[in-house]
Amino acid sequence: MSRWILYILECSDSSLYTGITTDIDKRLKRHNEGRASKYTRAKKPVKLVYTEIFDNESSTRKREAEIKKLSHENKLKLIGK
């Protein structure tokens, strides 16, 4: 069984990007190469600032939706800034 990882990236413009993956190292590399998402392509480099681990994709996607609904201020609190 794969472990699922919810992650938050801080982009070069200080914006935050939330996503999910099963391979955080590969995904972070792809973000910084500009091959992972349209949003981060123009905001490189990105830095990993937060992760949560889950046992299944469904729980991970639910948590991702919750975080994406948070204000920028509340996301900063979540990541400890």
Protein backbone atom coordinates (compact mmCIF):
# COMPACT_ATOMS: atom_id res chain seq x y z
CA MET A 1 0.00 0.00 0.00
CA SER A 2 1.31 3.43 -0.94
CA ARG A 3 1.50 6.20 1.56
CA TRP A 4 -0.03 9.45 0.39
CA ILE A 5 1.53 12.81 1.18
CA LEU A 6 -0.21 16.15 1.29
CA TYR A 7 2.31 18.94 0.82
CA ILE A 8 2.49 22.72 0.79
CA LEU A 9 5.11 24.55 -1.23
CA GLU A 10 6.23 28.14 -0.80
CA CYS A 11 6.80 29.68 -4.21
CA SER A 12 9.35 32.35 -5.12
CA ASP A 13 6.62 35.03 -4.88
CA SER A 14 5.70 33.86 -1.33
CA SER A 15 2.45 32.29 -2.52
CA LEU A 16 1.57 28.81 -1.26
CA TYR A 17 0.71 25.77 -3.38
CA THR A 18 -1.00 22.68 -1.95
CA GLY A 19 -0.87 19.28 -3.61
CA ILE A 20 -0.71 15.53 -3.03
CA THR A 21 1.66 12.80 -4.16
CA THR A 22 3.03 9.37 -3.29
CA ASP A 23 6.64 10.42 -4.03
CA ILE A 24 7.48 13.81 -2.53
CA ASP A 25 11.09 13.92 -3.76
CA LYS A 26 10.10 13.25 -7.36
CA ARG A 27 7.21 15.70 -7.19
CA LEU A 28 9.32 18.51 -5.71
CA LYS A 29 11.94 17.96 -8.42
CA ARG A 30 9.23 18.15 -11.11
CA HIS A 31 7.85 21.38 -9.60
CA ASN A 32 11.27 22.98 -9.70
CA GLU A 33 11.81 21.80 -13.27
CA GLY A 34 8.52 23.44 -14.26
CA ARG A 35 6.89 20.13 -15.17
CA ALA A 36 4.46 19.55 -12.29
CA SER A 37 1.79 22.25 -12.46
CA LYS A 38 0.94 25.37 -14.41
CA TYR A 39 0.73 27.36 -11.18
CA THR A 40 4.27 26.64 -9.99
CA ARG A 41 5.85 26.72 -13.45
CA ALA A 42 6.16 30.53 -13.35
CA LYS A 43 6.90 30.72 -9.61
CA LYS A 44 10.09 28.68 -9.34
CA PRO A 45 12.00 27.87 -7.31
CA VAL A 46 9.61 26.33 -4.83
CA LYS A 47 10.41 25.14 -1.32
CA LEU A 48 8.68 22.36 0.61
CA VAL A 49 7.32 23.87 3.84
CA TYR A 50 4.73 21.37 5.12
CA THR A 51 3.68 17.73 4.83
CA GLU A 52 1.05 15.38 6.25
CA ILE A 53 1.07 11.61 5.68
CA PHE A 54 -2.05 9.52 4.97
CA ASP A 55 -2.81 5.85 4.37
CA ASN A 56 -5.12 6.38 1.41
CA GLU A 57 -5.82 8.75 -1.46
CA SER A 58 -9.36 9.57 -0.37
CA SER A 59 -8.32 10.96 3.03
CA THR A 60 -5.51 12.89 1.41
CA ARG A 61 -7.81 14.51 -1.14
CA LYS A 62 -10.31 15.48 1.58
CA ARG A 63 -7.56 17.15 3.60
CA GLU A 64 -6.23 18.88 0.47
CA ALA A 65 -9.70 20.35 -0.17
CA GLU A 66 -9.88 21.58 3.45
CA ILE A 67 -6.52 23.30 3.21
CA LYS A 68 -7.27 24.88 -0.16
CA LYS A 69 -10.32 26.54 1.41
CA LEU A 70 -8.19 28.20 4.11
CA SER A 71 -7.19 31.84 3.84
CA HIS A 72 -3.54 32.63 3.15
CA GLU A 73 -3.23 33.79 6.76
CA ASN A 74 -4.55 30.48 8.11
CA LYS A 75 -2.27 28.53 5.79
CA LEU A 76 0.68 30.49 7.18
CA LYS A 77 -0.44 29.56 10.72
CA LEU A 78 -0.68 25.90 9.67
CA ILE A 79 2.89 25.86 8.38
CA GLY A 80 4.14 27.75 11.44
CA LYS A 81 4.87 31.18 9.96
